[in-house]
Amino acid sequence: MTTVPFASNRGSYRPVYRAQEINHCPGCGKSQWMVGRITAECAFCATALPLNEGGMIGGGMWRVHPRGLETVLAA
């Protein structure tokens, strides 16, 4: 497991799940994960970590109105 700095630049770090590395859980230290589209959850203690790669892509992430944006904004 690696950490990345917060966007606030306070020097704080947060754990993230990286798909190409061995990730140890910050809660229990084990390394078995259930990986979803946005987070990975420890199989033993249910600690959830955000995925480092992407997370905001895929089907169903955006809703497009069938009438078009111009019609919706004019209403």
Protein backbone atom coordinates (compact mmCIF):
# COMPACT_ATOMS: atom_id res chain seq x y z
CA MET A 1 0.00 0.00 0.00
CA THR A 2 1.25 3.44 -0.83
CA THR A 3 0.08 6.84 0.21
CA VAL A 4 -0.53 10.04 -1.70
CA PRO A 5 -0.60 13.59 -0.33
CA PHE A 6 -3.92 15.31 0.29
CA ALA A 7 -4.84 18.13 -2.06
CA SER A 8 -4.71 20.54 0.89
CA ASN A 9 -0.88 20.32 1.01
CA ARG A 10 -0.81 20.07 4.79
CA GLY A 11 1.72 17.29 4.67
CA SER A 12 -0.92 14.66 5.45
CA TYR A 13 -1.10 11.35 3.64
CA ARG A 14 -3.97 9.01 2.87
CA PRO A 15 -3.77 5.34 1.91
CA VAL A 16 -4.93 4.32 -1.57
CA TYR A 17 -5.31 0.97 -3.33
CA ARG A 18 -2.97 0.43 -6.29
CA ALA A 19 -3.93 -2.37 -8.65
CA GLN A 20 -0.38 -3.36 -9.67
CA GLU A 21 1.07 -3.59 -6.12
CA ILE A 22 0.65 -5.70 -2.99
CA ASN A 23 -1.63 -3.65 -0.75
CA HIS A 24 -1.69 -4.26 3.00
CA CYS A 25 -4.77 -3.12 4.87
CA PRO A 26 -4.13 -0.18 7.22
CA GLY A 27 -6.72 -1.65 9.61
CA CYS A 28 -5.63 -5.28 10.00
CA GLY A 29 -2.48 -5.69 7.86
CA LYS A 30 -3.86 -8.45 5.63
CA SER A 31 -3.76 -8.25 1.84
CA GLN A 32 -6.99 -9.73 0.42
CA TRP A 33 -9.26 -7.17 -1.24
CA MET A 34 -12.65 -6.99 -2.93
CA VAL A 35 -12.15 -4.44 -5.69
CA GLY A 36 -15.06 -2.42 -7.04
CA ARG A 37 -15.32 0.44 -9.52
CA ILE A 38 -14.44 3.22 -7.07
CA THR A 39 -13.11 1.56 -3.89
CA ALA A 40 -11.36 -1.59 -2.70
CA GLU A 41 -12.57 -3.18 0.55
CA CYS A 42 -10.53 -5.42 2.85
CA ALA A 43 -12.01 -8.93 2.89
CA PHE A 44 -11.29 -9.32 6.62
CA CYS A 45 -12.10 -6.03 8.37
CA ALA A 46 -14.07 -4.13 5.66
CA THR A 47 -11.71 -1.13 5.58
CA ALA A 48 -12.36 0.71 2.30
CA LEU A 49 -9.67 2.48 0.28
CA PRO A 50 -10.17 4.62 -2.81
CA LEU A 51 -8.68 3.30 -6.04
CA ASN A 52 -5.64 5.21 -7.22
CA GLU A 53 -6.39 4.75 -10.93
CA GLY A 54 -9.45 6.49 -12.32
CA GLY A 55 -12.63 5.49 -10.60
CA MET A 56 -14.84 7.98 -12.42
CA ILE A 57 -15.14 6.19 -15.75
CA GLY A 58 -17.52 3.51 -16.92
CA GLY A 59 -21.08 2.97 -17.97
CA GLY A 60 -23.78 4.58 -15.90
CA MET A 61 -21.57 7.29 -14.43
CA TRP A 62 -23.23 10.10 -16.42
CA ARG A 63 -26.92 10.62 -17.08
CA VAL A 64 -27.89 12.16 -20.41
CA HIS A 65 -31.37 13.59 -20.77
CA PRO A 66 -33.14 12.23 -23.88
CA ARG A 67 -34.41 15.69 -24.95
CA GLY A 68 -30.98 17.27 -24.91
CA LEU A 69 -29.39 19.77 -22.56
CA GLU A 70 -30.74 22.88 -24.30
CA THR A 71 -34.37 21.78 -23.79
CA VAL A 72 -33.80 20.96 -20.11
CA LEU A 73 -32.09 24.28 -19.38
CA ALA A 74 -34.82 26.27 -21.15
CA ALA A 75 -37.56 24.72 -18.99
